[in-house]
C-alpha atoms as a PDB file:
ATOM      1  CA  MET A   1      41.900 -30.691 -52.983  1.00  0.00           C
ATOM      2  CA  THR A   2      37.926 -31.692 -53.493  1.00  0.00           C
ATOM      3  CA  GLU A   3      36.678 -31.615 -57.279  1.00  0.00           C
ATOM      4  CA  PHE A   4      34.021 -29.108 -56.062  1.00  0.00           C
ATOM      5  CA  SER A   5      33.420 -27.438 -53.172  1.00  0.00           C
ATOM      6  CA  LEU A   6      30.193 -27.124 -51.262  1.00  0.00           C
ATOM      7  CA  ASP A   7      31.876 -25.183 -48.598  1.00  0.00           C
ATOM      8  CA  ASN A   8      29.144 -23.309 -46.401  1.00  0.00           C
ATOM      9  CA  LYS A   9      26.407 -25.418 -48.272  1.00  0.00           C
ATOM     10  CA  VAL A  10      23.833 -27.747 -46.370  1.00  0.00           C
ATOM     11  CA  ALA A  11      22.793 -30.801 -47.865  1.00  0.00           C
ATOM     12  CA  LEU A  12      19.635 -32.741 -46.996  1.00  0.00           C
ATOM     13  CA  ILE A  13      20.131 -36.524 -48.178  1.00  0.00           C
ATOM     14  CA  THR A  14      17.394 -38.922 -47.625  1.00  0.00           C
ATOM     15  CA  GLY A  15      17.911 -43.131 -47.716  1.00  0.00           C
ATOM     16  CA  ALA A  16      21.426 -42.060 -46.515  1.00  0.00           C
ATOM     17  CA  SER A  17      22.147 -45.204 -44.354  1.00  0.00           C
ATOM     18  CA  ARG A  18      23.242 -47.527 -47.094  1.00  0.00           C
ATOM     19  CA  GLY A  19      23.933 -47.584 -51.110  1.00  0.00           C
ATOM     20  CA  ILE A  20      23.903 -44.412 -53.166  1.00  0.00           C
ATOM     21  CA  GLY A  21      22.590 -42.402 -50.341  1.00  0.00           C
ATOM     22  CA  LYS A  22      25.314 -43.485 -47.925  1.00  0.00           C
ATOM     23  CA  ALA A  23      27.442 -42.856 -50.491  1.00  0.00           C
ATOM     24  CA  ILE A  24      26.261 -39.148 -51.949  1.00  0.00           C
ATOM     25  CA  ALA A  25      26.373 -38.226 -48.214  1.00  0.00           C
ATOM     26  CA  LEU A  26      30.233 -39.352 -47.461  1.00  0.00           C
ATOM     27  CA  ARG A  27      30.904 -37.411 -50.377  1.00  0.00           C
ATOM     28  CA  PHE A  28      29.302 -34.394 -49.869  1.00  0.00           C
ATOM     29  CA  ALA A  29      30.893 -33.961 -46.146  1.00  0.00           C
ATOM     30  CA  GLN A  30      33.674 -34.947 -47.803  1.00  0.00           C
ATOM     31  CA  ALA A  31      33.271 -31.471 -50.185  1.00  0.00           C
ATOM     32  CA  GLY A  32      32.862 -29.207 -47.183  1.00  0.00           C
ATOM     33  CA  ALA A  33      28.864 -29.458 -46.956  1.00  0.00           C
ATOM     34  CA  ARG A  34      27.264 -29.731 -43.558  1.00  0.00           C
ATOM     35  CA  VAL A  35      24.890 -32.728 -44.083  1.00  0.00           C
ATOM     36  CA  VAL A  36      22.052 -33.939 -42.614  1.00  0.00           C
ATOM     37  CA  VAL A  37      21.620 -37.834 -43.251  1.00  0.00           C
ATOM     38  CA  SER A  38      17.729 -39.258 -43.015  1.00  0.00           C
ATOM     39  CA  SER A  39      16.217 -42.912 -43.136  1.00  0.00           C
ATOM     40  CA  ARG A  40      13.428 -44.658 -41.742  1.00  0.00           C
ATOM     41  CA  LYS A  41      15.590 -46.465 -38.873  1.00  0.00           C
ATOM     42  CA  LEU A  42      18.087 -43.879 -36.642  1.00  0.00           C
ATOM     43  CA  ASP A  43      20.363 -46.523 -35.458  1.00  0.00           C
ATOM     44  CA  SER A  44      21.238 -47.115 -39.212  1.00  0.00           C
ATOM     45  CA  VAL A  45      21.650 -43.509 -40.173  1.00  0.00           C
ATOM     46  CA  GLN A  46      23.580 -42.377 -36.616  1.00  0.00           C
ATOM     47  CA  ALA A  47      26.252 -45.155 -38.350  1.00  0.00           C
ATOM     48  CA  SER A  48      26.326 -43.549 -41.655  1.00  0.00           C
ATOM     49  CA  ARG A  49      26.850 -40.017 -39.682  1.00  0.00           C
ATOM     50  CA  ARG A  50      29.943 -41.638 -38.073  1.00  0.00           C
ATOM     51  CA  ASP A  51      31.643 -42.854 -41.194  1.00  0.00           C
ATOM     52  CA  ARG A  52      31.177 -39.384 -42.791  1.00  0.00           C
ATOM     53  CA  GLY A  53      34.956 -39.488 -44.138  1.00  0.00           C
ATOM     54  CA  ARG A  54      37.485 -37.033 -43.266  1.00  0.00           C
ATOM     55  CA  GLY A  55      35.971 -34.137 -41.472  1.00  0.00           C
ATOM     56  CA  GLY A  56      32.592 -32.964 -42.257  1.00  0.00           C
ATOM     57  CA  HIS A  57      29.497 -32.063 -39.843  1.00  0.00           C
ATOM     58  CA  ALA A  58      26.729 -34.552 -40.142  1.00  0.00           C
ATOM     59  CA  LEU A  59      23.468 -34.501 -38.596  1.00  0.00           C
ATOM     60  CA  ALA A  60      21.133 -37.843 -38.219  1.00  0.00           C
ATOM     61  CA  VAL A  61      17.599 -37.431 -38.426  1.00  0.00           C
ATOM     62  CA  GLN A  62      14.578 -40.434 -38.657  1.00  0.00           C
ATOM     63  CA  ALA A  63      12.446 -39.560 -41.084  1.00  0.00           C
ATOM     64  CA  HIS A  64       9.985 -41.653 -43.389  1.00  0.00           C
ATOM     65  CA  VAL A  65       9.452 -39.211 -46.459  1.00  0.00           C
ATOM     66  CA  ALA A  66       6.955 -41.128 -47.750  1.00  0.00           C
ATOM     67  CA  SER A  67       4.739 -40.952 -45.064  1.00  0.00           C
ATOM     68  CA  PRO A  68       2.966 -37.095 -45.387  1.00  0.00           C
ATOM     69  CA  MET A  69       2.716 -35.478 -41.781  1.00  0.00           C
ATOM     70  CA  THR A  70      -0.579 -35.466 -39.848  1.00  0.00           C
END
């Protein structure tokens, strides 16, 4: 049983390849969220996706949120 449930929710976490962002992504996945993990380096964020903990769904996306789309 988790402290809180994120079943049927989607969470987008930027900077999810390491540190606090990765920890948040892991916790959200454990709480039942479908997680989109984002980072500037695709290989790093794919590793975070594979490490998502017990179960859960995750999608890895390469993105630089400080750069506007043109």
